[in-house]
Amino acid sequence: MVISHDVFNERSGTVIAMAITSQPQRAGFPLTLELNSGRLPKRSWVKISQVRTLSVERVGKLIDTISPEEMSKLIDGLNEIIG
């Protein structure tokens, strides 16, 4: 799940991303957030505590986007974890 802005991605050659899993999660928010996407092949969760910087070359095609409300929840969860 890419969380960085397109301008950052283009200028830096990297993206900031959070891991996604299809394995049911025991930990709830703020460590994970279930995605409400109709385009993902399986029920999925974002692992908010697993933030990575990746080369744009490692990122595949766009599968789906999340709502502004879901993005806000991801950022709130990250803020809660890092204080």
C-alpha atoms as a PDB file:
ATOM      1  CA  MET A   1       0.000   0.000   0.000  1.00  0.00           C
ATOM      2  CA  VAL A   2       1.774   3.141  -1.213  1.00  0.00           C
ATOM      3  CA  ILE A   3       1.113   6.040   1.157  1.00  0.00           C
ATOM      4  CA  SER A   4       3.470   8.699  -0.247  1.00  0.00           C
ATOM      5  CA  HIS A   5       2.340  11.417  -2.663  1.00  0.00           C
ATOM      6  CA  ASP A   6       2.950  11.063  -6.408  1.00  0.00           C
ATOM      7  CA  VAL A   7       5.178  14.168  -6.428  1.00  0.00           C
ATOM      8  CA  PHE A   8       7.446  12.619  -3.772  1.00  0.00           C
ATOM      9  CA  ASN A   9       7.526   9.321  -5.652  1.00  0.00           C
ATOM     10  CA  GLU A  10       8.461  10.952  -8.966  1.00  0.00           C
ATOM     11  CA  ARG A  11      11.158  13.213  -7.535  1.00  0.00           C
ATOM     12  CA  SER A  12      12.780  10.732  -5.161  1.00  0.00           C
ATOM     13  CA  GLY A  13      12.526   7.570  -7.239  1.00  0.00           C
ATOM     14  CA  THR A  14      11.131   5.835  -4.155  1.00  0.00           C
ATOM     15  CA  VAL A  15       7.758   5.235  -2.533  1.00  0.00           C
ATOM     16  CA  ILE A  16       6.798   4.935   1.109  1.00  0.00           C
ATOM     17  CA  ALA A  17       4.598   1.875   1.592  1.00  0.00           C
ATOM     18  CA  MET A  18       2.901  -0.257   4.234  1.00  0.00           C
ATOM     19  CA  ALA A  19       2.674  -4.036   4.005  1.00  0.00           C
ATOM     20  CA  ILE A  20      -0.620  -5.716   3.067  1.00  0.00           C
ATOM     21  CA  THR A  21      -1.597  -9.235   4.101  1.00  0.00           C
ATOM     22  CA  SER A  22      -4.507 -11.530   3.382  1.00  0.00           C
ATOM     23  CA  GLN A  23      -3.911 -13.495   6.590  1.00  0.00           C
ATOM     24  CA  PRO A  24      -6.467 -12.696   9.324  1.00  0.00           C
ATOM     25  CA  GLN A  25      -4.896 -10.457  11.952  1.00  0.00           C
ATOM     26  CA  ARG A  26      -5.197 -10.844  15.717  1.00  0.00           C
ATOM     27  CA  ALA A  27      -4.049  -7.302  16.325  1.00  0.00           C
ATOM     28  CA  GLY A  28      -6.568  -4.616  15.510  1.00  0.00           C
ATOM     29  CA  PHE A  29      -6.232  -0.896  15.009  1.00  0.00           C
ATOM     30  CA  PRO A  30      -3.736   0.844  15.284  1.00  0.00           C
ATOM     31  CA  LEU A  31      -1.479  -2.069  14.240  1.00  0.00           C
ATOM     32  CA  THR A  32      -3.681  -3.201  11.360  1.00  0.00           C
ATOM     33  CA  LEU A  33      -6.580  -1.847   9.339  1.00  0.00           C
ATOM     34  CA  GLU A  34      -8.914  -4.004   7.292  1.00  0.00           C
ATOM     35  CA  LEU A  35      -9.328  -2.714   3.746  1.00  0.00           C
ATOM     36  CA  ASN A  36     -12.791  -2.255   2.295  1.00  0.00           C
ATOM     37  CA  SER A  37     -11.852  -2.872  -1.301  1.00  0.00           C
ATOM     38  CA  GLY A  38     -13.942  -4.671  -3.827  1.00  0.00           C
ATOM     39  CA  ARG A  39     -11.002  -5.058  -6.210  1.00  0.00           C
ATOM     40  CA  LEU A  40      -8.586  -7.054  -4.059  1.00  0.00           C
ATOM     41  CA  PRO A  41      -8.821 -10.811  -4.643  1.00  0.00           C
ATOM     42  CA  LYS A  42      -8.983 -11.635  -0.910  1.00  0.00           C
ATOM     43  CA  ARG A  43      -9.980 -10.022   2.366  1.00  0.00           C
ATOM     44  CA  SER A  44      -6.932  -7.881   3.238  1.00  0.00           C
ATOM     45  CA  TRP A  45      -5.357  -5.861   6.038  1.00  0.00           C
ATOM     46  CA  VAL A  46      -2.729  -3.120   6.029  1.00  0.00           C
ATOM     47  CA  LYS A  47       0.017  -3.746   8.585  1.00  0.00           C
ATOM     48  CA  ILE A  48       0.461  -0.149   9.721  1.00  0.00           C
ATOM     49  CA  SER A  49       3.602  -0.864  11.745  1.00  0.00           C
ATOM     50  CA  GLN A  50       5.417  -2.295   8.697  1.00  0.00           C
ATOM     51  CA  VAL A  51       6.515   0.826   6.818  1.00  0.00           C
ATOM     52  CA  ARG A  52       9.095   0.514   4.035  1.00  0.00           C
ATOM     53  CA  THR A  53      10.791   2.702   1.462  1.00  0.00           C
ATOM     54  CA  LEU A  54      10.956   0.980  -1.920  1.00  0.00           C
ATOM     55  CA  SER A  55      12.344   1.851  -5.326  1.00  0.00           C
ATOM     56  CA  VAL A  56       9.586   2.837  -7.757  1.00  0.00           C
ATOM     57  CA  GLU A  57      10.988   0.097  -9.993  1.00  0.00           C
ATOM     58  CA  ARG A  58       9.816  -2.524  -7.472  1.00  0.00           C
ATOM     59  CA  VAL A  59       6.221  -1.304  -7.517  1.00  0.00           C
ATOM     60  CA  GLY A  60       3.829  -3.073  -9.866  1.00  0.00           C
ATOM     61  CA  LYS A  61       0.669  -1.830 -11.472  1.00  0.00           C
ATOM     62  CA  LEU A  62      -2.035  -0.008  -9.551  1.00  0.00           C
ATOM     63  CA  ILE A  63      -4.664  -2.436  -8.264  1.00  0.00           C
ATOM     64  CA  ASP A  64      -6.926  -0.129  -6.288  1.00  0.00           C
ATOM     65  CA  THR A  65      -7.051   3.059  -4.248  1.00  0.00           C
ATOM     66  CA  ILE A  66      -8.440   3.689  -0.791  1.00  0.00           C
ATOM     67  CA  SER A  67     -10.819   6.382   0.336  1.00  0.00           C
ATOM     68  CA  PRO A  68      -9.584   9.570   2.013  1.00  0.00           C
ATOM     69  CA  GLU A  69     -11.215   8.288   5.211  1.00  0.00           C
ATOM     70  CA  GLU A  70      -9.204   5.045   5.099  1.00  0.00           C
ATOM     71  CA  MET A  71      -5.990   6.978   4.411  1.00  0.00           C
ATOM     72  CA  SER A  72      -6.761   9.205   7.385  1.00  0.00           C
ATOM     73  CA  LYS A  73      -7.193   6.096   9.572  1.00  0.00           C
ATOM     74  CA  LEU A  74      -3.822   4.739   8.376  1.00  0.00           C
ATOM     75  CA  ILE A  75      -2.093   8.008   9.261  1.00  0.00           C
ATOM     76  CA  ASP A  76      -3.908   8.146  12.635  1.00  0.00           C
ATOM     77  CA  GLY A  77      -2.767   4.585  13.373  1.00  0.00           C
ATOM     78  CA  LEU A  78       0.825   5.414  12.440  1.00  0.00           C
ATOM     79  CA  ASN A  79       0.715   8.535  14.649  1.00  0.00           C
ATOM     80  CA  GLU A  80      -0.634   6.457  17.532  1.00  0.00           C
ATOM     81  CA  ILE A  81       2.168   3.913  17.163  1.00  0.00           C
ATOM     82  CA  ILE A  82       5.024   6.426  16.927  1.00  0.00           C
ATOM     83  CA  GLY A  83       3.491   8.980  19.306  1.00  0.00           C
END
